[in-house]
Amino acid sequence: MIELIAIIILVCSLIGMGVILFRKIPVLLTLPEILPQKESLISKMKKKIKELNPFKNFSYEIFLQKILTKVRILSLKADNKTFNWLQRLREKYQQKKTEKKDNYWEEIKKEIKKPR
């Protein structure tokens, strides 16, 4: 008995779906094939970002120029610092060299003056 009721409900629902589908086929055929697509979330975000004041007149070339000038300034500072270190090392070397020369002649004089 329960199986018979289930089969009757199944048949009636299939017939109902068939009727609805038969009525809607002409309406579906009249629809345009390409529907206008909604804007994606990413494109909406891009538009909003472009509308913001800081990004209205953003230029990649100017941004690149600023970064390159900062890198150039940093490299020049580093170059200047290493040049100063090198100059100090050369001065220290010259001082040691002159001290050794002075000591050299003093040692020779001491050797000569020593009685044998």
PDB file of N, CA and C in Angstrom:
ATOM      1  N   MET A   1       0.807  -1.196   0.000  1.00  0.00           N
ATOM      2  CA  MET A   1       0.000   0.000   0.000  1.00  0.00           C
ATOM      3  C   MET A   1       0.859   1.273   0.000  1.00  0.00           C
ATOM      4  N   ILE A   2       1.899   1.275   0.868  1.00  0.00           N
ATOM      5  CA  ILE A   2       2.784   2.448   0.938  1.00  0.00           C
ATOM      6  C   ILE A   2       3.555   2.599  -0.371  1.00  0.00           C
ATOM      7  N   GLU A   3       3.954   1.477  -0.956  1.00  0.00           N
ATOM      8  CA  GLU A   3       4.679   1.529  -2.226  1.00  0.00           C
ATOM      9  C   GLU A   3       3.803   2.088  -3.336  1.00  0.00           C
ATOM     10  N   LEU A   4       2.545   1.748  -3.331  1.00  0.00           N
ATOM     11  CA  LEU A   4       1.619   2.242  -4.356  1.00  0.00           C
ATOM     12  C   LEU A   4       1.452   3.760  -4.242  1.00  0.00           C
ATOM     13  N   ILE A   5       1.356   4.268  -3.017  1.00  0.00           N
ATOM     14  CA  ILE A   5       1.227   5.722  -2.811  1.00  0.00           C
ATOM     15  C   ILE A   5       2.497   6.430  -3.264  1.00  0.00           C
ATOM     16  N   ALA A   6       3.656   5.856  -2.957  1.00  0.00           N
ATOM     17  CA  ALA A   6       4.931   6.459  -3.365  1.00  0.00           C
ATOM     18  C   ALA A   6       5.052   6.493  -4.883  1.00  0.00           C
ATOM     19  N   ILE A   7       4.627   5.432  -5.561  1.00  0.00           N
ATOM     20  CA  ILE A   7       4.696   5.392  -7.030  1.00  0.00           C
ATOM     21  C   ILE A   7       3.743   6.419  -7.633  1.00  0.00           C
ATOM     22  N   ILE A   8       2.550   6.563  -7.070  1.00  0.00           N
ATOM     23  CA  ILE A   8       1.585   7.549  -7.588  1.00  0.00           C
ATOM     24  C   ILE A   8       2.140   8.963  -7.420  1.00  0.00           C
ATOM     25  N   ILE A   9       2.751   9.270  -6.280  1.00  0.00           N
ATOM     26  CA  ILE A   9       3.342  10.605  -6.056  1.00  0.00           C
ATOM     27  C   ILE A   9       4.498  10.841  -7.029  1.00  0.00           C
ATOM     28  N   LEU A  10       5.311   9.833  -7.275  1.00  0.00           N
ATOM     29  CA  LEU A  10       6.425   9.947  -8.218  1.00  0.00           C
ATOM     30  C   LEU A  10       5.926  10.226  -9.622  1.00  0.00           C
ATOM     31  N   VAL A  11       4.911   9.501 -10.080  1.00  0.00           N
ATOM     32  CA  VAL A  11       4.375   9.683 -11.427  1.00  0.00           C
ATOM     33  C   VAL A  11       3.761  11.074 -11.563  1.00  0.00           C
ATOM     34  N   CYS A  12       2.988  11.482 -10.555  1.00  0.00           N
ATOM     35  CA  CYS A  12       2.358  12.818 -10.610  1.00  0.00           C
ATOM     36  C   CYS A  12       3.403  13.929 -10.643  1.00  0.00           C
ATOM     37  N   SER A  13       4.472  13.795  -9.857  1.00  0.00           N
ATOM     38  CA  SER A  13       5.509  14.831  -9.845  1.00  0.00           C
ATOM     39  C   SER A  13       6.261  14.865 -11.177  1.00  0.00           C
ATOM     40  N   LEU A  14       6.496  13.708 -11.795  1.00  0.00           N
ATOM     41  CA  LEU A  14       7.143  13.688 -13.109  1.00  0.00           C
ATOM     42  C   LEU A  14       6.248  14.338 -14.165  1.00  0.00           C
ATOM     43  N   ILE A  15       4.949  14.067 -14.103  1.00  0.00           N
ATOM     44  CA  ILE A  15       4.009  14.684 -15.051  1.00  0.00           C
ATOM     45  C   ILE A  15       3.986  16.199 -14.833  1.00  0.00           C
ATOM     46  N   GLY A  16       4.012  16.655 -13.570  1.00  0.00           N
ATOM     47  CA  GLY A  16       4.015  18.096 -13.269  1.00  0.00           C
ATOM     48  C   GLY A  16       5.270  18.777 -13.784  1.00  0.00           C
ATOM     49  N   MET A  17       6.415  18.128 -13.617  1.00  0.00           N
ATOM     50  CA  MET A  17       7.668  18.708 -14.132  1.00  0.00           C
ATOM     51  C   MET A  17       7.647  18.768 -15.655  1.00  0.00           C
ATOM     52  N   GLY A  18       7.054  17.748 -16.293  1.00  0.00           N
ATOM     53  CA  GLY A  18       6.953  17.740 -17.756  1.00  0.00           C
ATOM     54  C   GLY A  18       6.083  18.875 -18.256  1.00  0.00           C
ATOM     55  N   VAL A  19       4.960  19.129 -17.586  1.00  0.00           N
ATOM     56  CA  VAL A  19       4.060  20.212 -17.986  1.00  0.00           C
ATOM     57  C   VAL A  19       4.761  21.563 -17.844  1.00  0.00           C
ATOM     58  N   ILE A  20       5.427  21.772 -16.718  1.00  0.00           N
ATOM     59  CA  ILE A  20       6.130  23.054 -16.503  1.00  0.00           C
ATOM     60  C   ILE A  20       7.207  23.239 -17.564  1.00  0.00           C
ATOM     61  N   LEU A  21       7.964  22.196 -17.843  1.00  0.00           N
ATOM     62  CA  LEU A  21       9.022  22.277 -18.853  1.00  0.00           C
ATOM     63  C   LEU A  21       8.434  22.553 -20.236  1.00  0.00           C
ATOM     64  N   PHE A  22       7.318  21.898 -20.584  1.00  0.00           N
ATOM     65  CA  PHE A  22       6.665  22.100 -21.887  1.00  0.00           C
ATOM     66  C   PHE A  22       6.179  23.533 -22.051  1.00  0.00           C
ATOM     67  N   ARG A  23       5.679  24.134 -20.970  1.00  0.00           N
ATOM     68  CA  ARG A  23       5.219  25.526 -21.049  1.00  0.00           C
ATOM     69  C   ARG A  23       6.372  26.521 -21.137  1.00  0.00           C
ATOM     70  N   LYS A  24       7.512  26.207 -20.551  1.00  0.00           N
ATOM     71  CA  LYS A  24       8.624  27.156 -20.494  1.00  0.00           C
ATOM     72  C   LYS A  24       9.582  27.063 -21.673  1.00  0.00           C
ATOM     73  N   ILE A  25       9.492  26.041 -22.491  1.00  0.00           N
ATOM     74  CA  ILE A  25      10.403  25.906 -23.635  1.00  0.00           C
ATOM     75  C   ILE A  25      10.287  27.087 -24.588  1.00  0.00           C
ATOM     76  N   PRO A  26       9.126  27.575 -24.978  1.00  0.00           N
ATOM     77  CA  PRO A  26       9.066  28.727 -25.890  1.00  0.00           C
ATOM     78  C   PRO A  26       9.673  29.990 -25.267  1.00  0.00           C
ATOM     79  N   VAL A  27       9.471  30.174 -23.961  1.00  0.00           N
ATOM     80  CA  VAL A  27      10.044  31.357 -23.293  1.00  0.00           C
ATOM     81  C   VAL A  27      11.564  31.252 -23.272  1.00  0.00           C
ATOM     82  N   LEU A  28      12.081  30.073 -23.041  1.00  0.00           N
ATOM     83  CA  LEU A  28      13.528  29.875 -23.024  1.00  0.00           C
ATOM     84  C   LEU A  28      14.142  30.104 -24.401  1.00  0.00           C
ATOM     85  N   LEU A  29      13.418  29.754 -25.458  1.00  0.00           N
ATOM     86  CA  LEU A  29      13.935  29.953 -26.808  1.00  0.00           C
ATOM     87  C   LEU A  29      13.987  31.439 -27.188  1.00  0.00           C
ATOM     88  N   THR A  30      13.119  32.267 -26.617  1.00  0.00           N
ATOM     89  CA  THR A  30      13.116  33.693 -26.969  1.00  0.00           C
ATOM     90  C   THR A  30      14.173  34.492 -26.206  1.00  0.00           C
ATOM     91  N   LEU A  31      14.774  33.923 -25.181  1.00  0.00           N
ATOM     92  CA  LEU A  31      15.803  34.637 -24.412  1.00  0.00           C
ATOM     93  C   LEU A  31      17.047  34.835 -25.260  1.00  0.00           C
ATOM     94  N   PRO A  32      17.751  35.932 -25.064  1.00  0.00           N
ATOM     95  CA  PRO A  32      19.010  36.098 -25.797  1.00  0.00           C
ATOM     96  C   PRO A  32      20.042  35.082 -25.309  1.00  0.00           C
ATOM     97  N   GLU A  33      20.930  34.719 -26.226  1.00  0.00           N
ATOM     98  CA  GLU A  33      21.899  33.668 -25.901  1.00  0.00           C
ATOM     99  C   GLU A  33      22.937  34.159 -24.894  1.00  0.00           C
ATOM    100  N   ILE A  34      23.410  35.400 -25.065  1.00  0.00           N
ATOM    101  CA  ILE A  34      24.437  35.940 -24.173  1.00  0.00           C
ATOM    102  C   ILE A  34      23.777  36.928 -23.228  1.00  0.00           C
ATOM    103  N   LEU A  35      23.860  36.627 -21.975  1.00  0.00           N
ATOM    104  CA  LEU A  35      23.317  37.527 -20.970  1.00  0.00           C
ATOM    105  C   LEU A  35      24.420  38.473 -20.503  1.00  0.00           C
ATOM    106  N   PRO A  36      24.079  39.716 -20.182  1.00  0.00           N
ATOM    107  CA  PRO A  36      25.124  40.609 -19.676  1.00  0.00           C
ATOM    108  C   PRO A  36      25.675  40.060 -18.359  1.00  0.00           C
ATOM    109  N   GLN A  37      26.993  40.010 -18.294  1.00  0.00           N
ATOM    110  CA  GLN A  37      27.624  39.455 -17.107  1.00  0.00           C
ATOM    111  C   GLN A  37      27.759  40.522 -16.037  1.00  0.00           C
ATOM    112  N   LYS A  38      27.614  40.114 -14.830  1.00  0.00           N
ATOM    113  CA  LYS A  38      27.796  41.039 -13.717  1.00  0.00           C
ATOM    114  C   LYS A  38      29.282  41.305 -13.546  1.00  0.00           C
ATOM    115  N   GLU A  39      29.586  42.485 -13.010  1.00  0.00           N
ATOM    116  CA  GLU A  39      30.980  42.814 -12.756  1.00  0.00           C
ATOM    117  C   GLU A  39      31.509  41.933 -11.636  1.00  0.00           C
ATOM    118  N   SER A  40      32.707  41.475 -11.834  1.00  0.00           N
ATOM    119  CA  SER A  40      33.285  40.629 -10.793  1.00  0.00           C
ATOM    120  C   SER A  40      33.746  41.500  -9.626  1.00  0.00           C
ATOM    121  N   LEU A  41      33.973  40.870  -8.521  1.00  0.00           N
ATOM    122  CA  LEU A  41      34.388  41.573  -7.313  1.00  0.00           C
ATOM    123  C   LEU A  41      35.739  42.249  -7.517  1.00  0.00           C
ATOM    124  N   ILE A  42      36.612  41.610  -8.258  1.00  0.00           N
ATOM    125  CA  ILE A  42      37.946  42.171  -8.496  1.00  0.00           C
ATOM    126  C   ILE A  42      37.857  43.454  -9.319  1.00  0.00           C
ATOM    127  N   SER A  43      37.034  43.464 -10.369  1.00  0.00           N
ATOM    128  CA  SER A  43      36.919  44.670 -11.190  1.00  0.00           C
ATOM    129  C   SER A  43      36.275  45.802 -10.400  1.00  0.00           C
ATOM    130  N   LYS A  44      35.337  45.474  -9.518  1.00  0.00           N
ATOM    131  CA  LYS A  44      34.742  46.510  -8.669  1.00  0.00           C
ATOM    132  C   LYS A  44      35.786  47.112  -7.740  1.00  0.00           C
ATOM    133  N   MET A  45      36.627  46.260  -7.180  1.00  0.00           N
ATOM    134  CA  MET A  45      37.672  46.745  -6.272  1.00  0.00           C
ATOM    135  C   MET A  45      38.669  47.623  -7.018  1.00  0.00           C
ATOM    136  N   LYS A  46      39.016  47.244  -8.251  1.00  0.00           N
ATOM    137  CA  LYS A  46      39.942  48.053  -9.040  1.00  0.00           C
ATOM    138  C   LYS A  46      39.377  49.442  -9.299  1.00  0.00           C
ATOM    139  N   LYS A  47      38.093  49.509  -9.626  1.00  0.00           N
ATOM    140  CA  LYS A  47      37.464  50.807  -9.871  1.00  0.00           C
ATOM    141  C   LYS A  47      37.457  51.666  -8.617  1.00  0.00           C
ATOM    142  N   LYS A  48      37.151  51.054  -7.479  1.00  0.00           N
ATOM    143  CA  LYS A  48      37.132  51.805  -6.222  1.00  0.00           C
ATOM    144  C   LYS A  48      38.514  52.318  -5.863  1.00  0.00           C
ATOM    145  N   ILE A  49      39.541  51.505  -6.093  1.00  0.00           N
ATOM    146  CA  ILE A  49      40.907  51.933  -5.794  1.00  0.00           C
ATOM    147  C   ILE A  49      41.314  53.087  -6.692  1.00  0.00           C
ATOM    148  N   LYS A  50      40.933  53.039  -7.970  1.00  0.00           N
ATOM    149  CA  LYS A  50      41.270  54.124  -8.891  1.00  0.00           C
ATOM    150  C   LYS A  50      40.544  55.411  -8.533  1.00  0.00           C
ATOM    151  N   GLU A  51      39.372  55.296  -7.936  1.00  0.00           N
ATOM    152  CA  GLU A  51      38.608  56.479  -7.559  1.00  0.00           C
ATOM    153  C   GLU A  51      39.185  57.169  -6.329  1.00  0.00           C
ATOM    154  N   LEU A  52      39.953  56.457  -5.523  1.00  0.00           N
ATOM    155  CA  LEU A  52      40.547  57.067  -4.333  1.00  0.00           C
ATOM    156  C   LEU A  52      41.536  58.154  -4.750  1.00  0.00           C
ATOM    157  N   ASN A  53      41.649  59.188  -3.964  1.00  0.00           N
ATOM    158  CA  ASN A  53      42.508  60.326  -4.294  1.00  0.00           C
ATOM    159  C   ASN A  53      43.984  59.977  -4.454  1.00  0.00           C
ATOM    160  N   PRO A  54      44.595  59.194  -3.559  1.00  0.00           N
ATOM    161  CA  PRO A  54      46.028  58.951  -3.726  1.00  0.00           C
ATOM    162  C   PRO A  54      46.373  58.186  -5.000  1.00  0.00           C
ATOM    163  N   PHE A  55      45.445  57.417  -5.522  1.00  0.00           N
ATOM    164  CA  PHE A  55      45.758  56.603  -6.691  1.00  0.00           C
ATOM    165  C   PHE A  55      45.212  57.175  -7.996  1.00  0.00           C
ATOM    166  N   LYS A  56      44.621  58.357  -7.964  1.00  0.00           N
ATOM    167  CA  LYS A  56      44.058  58.912  -9.198  1.00  0.00           C
ATOM    168  C   LYS A  56      45.140  59.202 -10.228  1.00  0.00           C
ATOM    169  N   ASN A  57      46.171  59.891  -9.808  1.00  0.00           N
ATOM    170  CA  ASN A  57      47.223  60.301 -10.738  1.00  0.00           C
ATOM    171  C   ASN A  57      48.503  59.505 -10.504  1.00  0.00           C
ATOM    172  N   PHE A  58      48.384  58.242 -10.205  1.00  0.00           N
ATOM    173  CA  PHE A  58      49.548  57.405  -9.924  1.00  0.00           C
ATOM    174  C   PHE A  58      50.266  57.070 -11.222  1.00  0.00           C
ATOM    175  N   SER A  59      51.565  57.321 -11.230  1.00  0.00           N
ATOM    176  CA  SER A  59      52.366  57.032 -12.405  1.00  0.00           C
ATOM    177  C   SER A  59      53.492  56.075 -12.007  1.00  0.00           C
ATOM    178  N   TYR A  60      53.593  54.976 -12.724  1.00  0.00           N
ATOM    179  CA  TYR A  60      54.627  54.006 -12.411  1.00  0.00           C
ATOM    180  C   TYR A  60      56.015  54.553 -12.723  1.00  0.00           C
ATOM    181  N   GLU A  61      56.138  55.390 -13.737  1.00  0.00           N
ATOM    182  CA  GLU A  61      57.435  55.940 -14.092  1.00  0.00           C
ATOM    183  C   GLU A  61      57.966  56.833 -12.977  1.00  0.00           C
ATOM    184  N   ILE A  62      57.113  57.678 -12.435  1.00  0.00           N
ATOM    185  CA  ILE A  62      57.541  58.572 -11.356  1.00  0.00           C
ATOM    186  C   ILE A  62      57.901  57.754 -10.123  1.00  0.00           C
ATOM    187  N   PHE A  63      57.098  56.726  -9.822  1.00  0.00           N
ATOM    188  CA  PHE A  63      57.381  55.861  -8.686  1.00  0.00           C
ATOM    189  C   PHE A  63      58.738  55.185  -8.868  1.00  0.00           C
ATOM    190  N   LEU A  64      59.017  54.696 -10.071  1.00  0.00           N
ATOM    191  CA  LEU A  64      60.284  54.048 -10.365  1.00  0.00           C
ATOM    192  C   LEU A  64      61.438  55.036 -10.251  1.00  0.00           C
ATOM    193  N   GLN A  65      61.247  56.270 -10.732  1.00  0.00           N
ATOM    194  CA  GLN A  65      62.287  57.287 -10.625  1.00  0.00           C
ATOM    195  C   GLN A  65      62.627  57.576  -9.174  1.00  0.00           C
ATOM    196  N   LYS A  66      61.622  57.695  -8.334  1.00  0.00           N
ATOM    197  CA  LYS A  66      61.863  57.974  -6.919  1.00  0.00           C
ATOM    198  C   LYS A  66      62.640  56.845  -6.258  1.00  0.00           C
ATOM    199  N   ILE A  67      62.243  55.628  -6.563  1.00  0.00           N
ATOM    200  CA  ILE A  67      62.938  54.483  -5.945  1.00  0.00           C
ATOM    201  C   ILE A  67      64.384  54.423  -6.427  1.00  0.00           C
ATOM    202  N   LEU A  68      64.589  54.650  -7.722  1.00  0.00           N
ATOM    203  CA  LEU A  68      65.948  54.581  -8.255  1.00  0.00           C
ATOM    204  C   LEU A  68      66.827  55.683  -7.692  1.00  0.00           C
ATOM    205  N   THR A  69      66.273  56.885  -7.488  1.00  0.00           N
ATOM    206  CA  THR A  69      67.087  57.953  -6.899  1.00  0.00           C
ATOM    207  C   THR A  69      67.450  57.622  -5.457  1.00  0.00           C
ATOM    208  N   LYS A  70      66.530  57.012  -4.707  1.00  0.00           N
ATOM    209  CA  LYS A  70      66.849  56.623  -3.336  1.00  0.00           C
ATOM    210  C   LYS A  70      67.929  55.545  -3.311  1.00  0.00           C
ATOM    211  N   VAL A  71      67.849  54.594  -4.229  1.00  0.00           N
ATOM    212  CA  VAL A  71      68.874  53.553  -4.303  1.00  0.00           C
ATOM    213  C   VAL A  71      70.216  54.170  -4.683  1.00  0.00           C
ATOM    214  N   ARG A  72      70.200  55.127  -5.582  1.00  0.00           N
ATOM    215  CA  ARG A  72      71.435  55.788  -6.002  1.00  0.00           C
ATOM    216  C   ARG A  72      72.058  56.557  -4.839  1.00  0.00           C
ATOM    217  N   ILE A  73      71.237  57.257  -4.076  1.00  0.00           N
ATOM    218  CA  ILE A  73      71.739  58.008  -2.924  1.00  0.00           C
ATOM    219  C   ILE A  73      72.359  57.058  -1.901  1.00  0.00           C
ATOM    220  N   LEU A  74      71.684  55.932  -1.644  1.00  0.00           N
ATOM    221  CA  LEU A  74      72.229  54.962  -0.696  1.00  0.00           C
ATOM    222  C   LEU A  74      73.559  54.381  -1.182  1.00  0.00           C
ATOM    223  N   SER A  75      73.642  54.106  -2.477  1.00  0.00           N
ATOM    224  CA  SER A  75      74.897  53.554  -2.995  1.00  0.00           C
ATOM    225  C   SER A  75      76.016  54.598  -2.937  1.00  0.00           C
ATOM    226  N   LEU A  76      75.697  55.871  -3.191  1.00  0.00           N
ATOM    227  CA  LEU A  76      76.712  56.915  -3.086  1.00  0.00           C
ATOM    228  C   LEU A  76      77.177  57.096  -1.643  1.00  0.00           C
ATOM    229  N   LYS A  77      76.250  56.998  -0.686  1.00  0.00           N
ATOM    230  CA  LYS A  77      76.634  57.091   0.727  1.00  0.00           C
ATOM    231  C   LYS A  77      77.553  55.935   1.108  1.00  0.00           C
ATOM    232  N   ALA A  78      77.218  54.740   0.643  1.00  0.00           N
ATOM    233  CA  ALA A  78      78.057  53.576   0.937  1.00  0.00           C
ATOM    234  C   ALA A  78      79.427  53.734   0.306  1.00  0.00           C
ATOM    235  N   ASP A  79      79.472  54.245  -0.918  1.00  0.00           N
ATOM    236  CA  ASP A  79      80.735  54.464  -1.598  1.00  0.00           C
ATOM    237  C   ASP A  79      81.578  55.484  -0.840  1.00  0.00           C
ATOM    238  N   ASN A  80      80.963  56.553  -0.385  1.00  0.00           N
ATOM    239  CA  ASN A  80      81.684  57.585   0.366  1.00  0.00           C
ATOM    240  C   ASN A  80      82.236  57.020   1.675  1.00  0.00           C
ATOM    241  N   LYS A  81      81.444  56.194   2.349  1.00  0.00           N
ATOM    242  CA  LYS A  81      81.874  55.594   3.615  1.00  0.00           C
ATOM    243  C   LYS A  81      83.071  54.676   3.396  1.00  0.00           C
ATOM    244  N   THR A  82      83.014  53.831   2.367  1.00  0.00           N
ATOM    245  CA  THR A  82      84.141  52.935   2.101  1.00  0.00           C
ATOM    246  C   THR A  82      85.382  53.719   1.678  1.00  0.00           C
ATOM    247  N   PHE A  83      85.198  54.814   0.949  1.00  0.00           N
ATOM    248  CA  PHE A  83      86.338  55.650   0.568  1.00  0.00           C
ATOM    249  C   PHE A  83      87.007  56.238   1.814  1.00  0.00           C
ATOM    250  N   ASN A  84      86.192  56.697   2.769  1.00  0.00           N
ATOM    251  CA  ASN A  84      86.770  57.246   4.010  1.00  0.00           C
ATOM    252  C   ASN A  84      87.518  56.171   4.792  1.00  0.00           C
ATOM    253  N   TRP A  85      86.977  54.961   4.861  1.00  0.00           N
ATOM    254  CA  TRP A  85      87.665  53.875   5.554  1.00  0.00           C
ATOM    255  C   TRP A  85      88.996  53.561   4.880  1.00  0.00           C
ATOM    256  N   LEU A  86      88.983  53.521   3.564  1.00  0.00           N
ATOM    257  CA  LEU A  86      90.197  53.235   2.806  1.00  0.00           C
ATOM    258  C   LEU A  86      91.240  54.323   3.033  1.00  0.00           C
ATOM    259  N   GLN A  87      90.802  55.572   3.051  1.00  0.00           N
ATOM    260  CA  GLN A  87      91.724  56.684   3.265  1.00  0.00           C
ATOM    261  C   GLN A  87      92.348  56.600   4.664  1.00  0.00           C
ATOM    262  N   ARG A  88      91.562  56.268   5.683  1.00  0.00           N
ATOM    263  CA  ARG A  88      92.107  56.128   7.043  1.00  0.00           C
ATOM    264  C   ARG A  88      93.118  54.990   7.116  1.00  0.00           C
ATOM    265  N   LEU A  89      92.806  53.883   6.435  1.00  0.00           N
ATOM    266  CA  LEU A  89      93.753  52.767   6.424  1.00  0.00           C
ATOM    267  C   LEU A  89      95.071  53.163   5.770  1.00  0.00           C
ATOM    268  N   ARG A  90      94.999  53.909   4.694  1.00  0.00           N
ATOM    269  CA  ARG A  90      96.227  54.361   4.020  1.00  0.00           C
ATOM    270  C   ARG A  90      97.034  55.291   4.910  1.00  0.00           C
ATOM    271  N   GLU A  91      96.333  56.179   5.634  1.00  0.00           N
ATOM    272  CA  GLU A  91      97.042  57.087   6.546  1.00  0.00           C
ATOM    273  C   GLU A  91      97.722  56.313   7.671  1.00  0.00           C
ATOM    274  N   LYS A  92      97.031  55.326   8.234  1.00  0.00           N
ATOM    275  CA  LYS A  92      97.632  54.509   9.294  1.00  0.00           C
ATOM    276  C   LYS A  92      98.846  53.749   8.772  1.00  0.00           C
ATOM    277  N   TYR A  93      98.737  53.243   7.560  1.00  0.00           N
ATOM    278  CA  TYR A  93      99.852  52.522   6.967  1.00  0.00           C
ATOM    279  C   TYR A  93     101.046  53.455   6.764  1.00  0.00           C
ATOM    280  N   GLN A  94     100.789  54.670   6.295  1.00  0.00           N
ATOM    281  CA  GLN A  94     101.873  55.641   6.092  1.00  0.00           C
ATOM    282  C   GLN A  94     102.543  55.984   7.420  1.00  0.00           C
ATOM    283  N   GLN A  95     101.732  56.151   8.485  1.00  0.00           N
ATOM    284  CA  GLN A  95     102.302  56.451   9.792  1.00  0.00           C
ATOM    285  C   GLN A  95     103.178  55.313  10.293  1.00  0.00           C
ATOM    286  N   LYS A  96     102.710  54.084  10.142  1.00  0.00           N
ATOM    287  CA  LYS A  96     103.505  52.936  10.567  1.00  0.00           C
ATOM    288  C   LYS A  96     104.786  52.820   9.758  1.00  0.00           C
ATOM    289  N   LYS A  97     104.690  53.142   8.481  1.00  0.00           N
ATOM    290  CA  LYS A  97     105.836  53.049   7.600  1.00  0.00           C
ATOM    291  C   LYS A  97     106.902  54.064   8.009  1.00  0.00           C
ATOM    292  N   THR A  98     106.478  55.292   8.300  1.00  0.00           N
ATOM    293  CA  THR A  98     107.441  56.316   8.721  1.00  0.00           C
ATOM    294  C   THR A  98     108.012  55.985  10.101  1.00  0.00           C
ATOM    295  N   GLU A  99     107.230  55.420  11.006  1.00  0.00           N
ATOM    296  CA  GLU A  99     107.734  55.022  12.318  1.00  0.00           C
ATOM    297  C   GLU A  99     108.768  53.920  12.180  1.00  0.00           C
ATOM    298  N   LYS A 100     108.552  52.984  11.290  1.00  0.00           N
ATOM    299  CA  LYS A 100     109.511  51.906  11.083  1.00  0.00           C
ATOM    300  C   LYS A 100     110.814  52.447  10.522  1.00  0.00           C
ATOM    301  N   LYS A 101     110.718  53.409   9.608  1.00  0.00           N
ATOM    302  CA  LYS A 101     111.938  53.996   9.045  1.00  0.00           C
ATOM    303  C   LYS A 101     112.725  54.707  10.124  1.00  0.00           C
ATOM    304  N   ASP A 102     112.055  55.477  10.965  1.00  0.00           N
ATOM    305  CA  ASP A 102     112.736  56.189  12.046  1.00  0.00           C
ATOM    306  C   ASP A 102     113.376  55.199  13.014  1.00  0.00           C
ATOM    307  N   ASN A 103     112.685  54.184  13.357  1.00  0.00           N
ATOM    308  CA  ASN A 103     113.217  53.168  14.257  1.00  0.00           C
ATOM    309  C   ASN A 103     114.371  52.407  13.616  1.00  0.00           C
ATOM    310  N   TYR A 104     114.296  52.224  12.349  1.00  0.00           N
ATOM    311  CA  TYR A 104     115.340  51.491  11.634  1.00  0.00           C
ATOM    312  C   TYR A 104     116.682  52.197  11.776  1.00  0.00           C
ATOM    313  N   TRP A 105     116.690  53.482  11.529  1.00  0.00           N
ATOM    314  CA  TRP A 105     117.951  54.227  11.604  1.00  0.00           C
ATOM    315  C   TRP A 105     118.430  54.349  13.048  1.00  0.00           C
ATOM    316  N   GLU A 106     117.506  54.454  13.963  1.00  0.00           N
ATOM    317  CA  GLU A 106     117.909  54.511  15.367  1.00  0.00           C
ATOM    318  C   GLU A 106     118.537  53.195  15.804  1.00  0.00           C
ATOM    319  N   GLU A 107     117.982  52.093  15.352  1.00  0.00           N
ATOM    320  CA  GLU A 107     118.549  50.795  15.697  1.00  0.00           C
ATOM    321  C   GLU A 107     119.934  50.619  15.097  1.00  0.00           C
ATOM    322  N   ILE A 108     120.133  51.095  13.892  1.00  0.00           N
ATOM    323  CA  ILE A 108     121.449  50.998  13.257  1.00  0.00           C
ATOM    324  C   ILE A 108     122.465  51.834  14.033  1.00  0.00           C
ATOM    325  N   LYS A 109     122.063  53.013  14.464  1.00  0.00           N
ATOM    326  CA  LYS A 109     122.960  53.865  15.248  1.00  0.00           C
ATOM    327  C   LYS A 109     123.323  53.184  16.561  1.00  0.00           C
ATOM    328  N   LYS A 110     122.387  52.539  17.194  1.00  0.00           N
ATOM    329  CA  LYS A 110     122.651  51.848  18.445  1.00  0.00           C
ATOM    330  C   LYS A 110     123.610  50.697  18.224  1.00  0.00           C
ATOM    331  N   GLU A 111     123.466  49.992  17.138  1.00  0.00           N
ATOM    332  CA  GLU A 111     124.354  48.872  16.826  1.00  0.00           C
ATOM    333  C   GLU A 111     125.774  49.343  16.589  1.00  0.00           C
ATOM    334  N   ILE A 112     125.889  50.472  15.946  1.00  0.00           N
ATOM    335  CA  ILE A 112     127.220  51.001  15.636  1.00  0.00           C
ATOM    336  C   ILE A 112     127.893  51.484  16.916  1.00  0.00           C
ATOM    337  N   LYS A 113     127.174  52.114  17.799  1.00  0.00           N
ATOM    338  CA  LYS A 113     127.722  52.686  19.014  1.00  0.00           C
ATOM    339  C   LYS A 113     128.058  51.622  20.063  1.00  0.00           C
ATOM    340  N   LYS A 114     127.513  50.454  19.959  1.00  0.00           N
ATOM    341  CA  LYS A 114     127.798  49.410  20.933  1.00  0.00           C
ATOM    342  C   LYS A 114     129.256  48.990  20.853  1.00  0.00           C
ATOM    343  N   PRO A 115     129.883  48.903  21.972  1.00  0.00           N
ATOM    344  CA  PRO A 115     131.277  48.425  21.932  1.00  0.00           C
ATOM    345  C   PRO A 115     131.308  46.909  21.760  1.00  0.00           C
ATOM    346  N   ARG A 116     132.276  46.475  21.020  1.00  0.00           N
ATOM    347  CA  ARG A 116     132.349  45.042  20.757  1.00  0.00           C
ATOM    348  C   ARG A 116     133.402  44.406  21.577  1.00  0.00           C
TER     349      ARG A 116
END
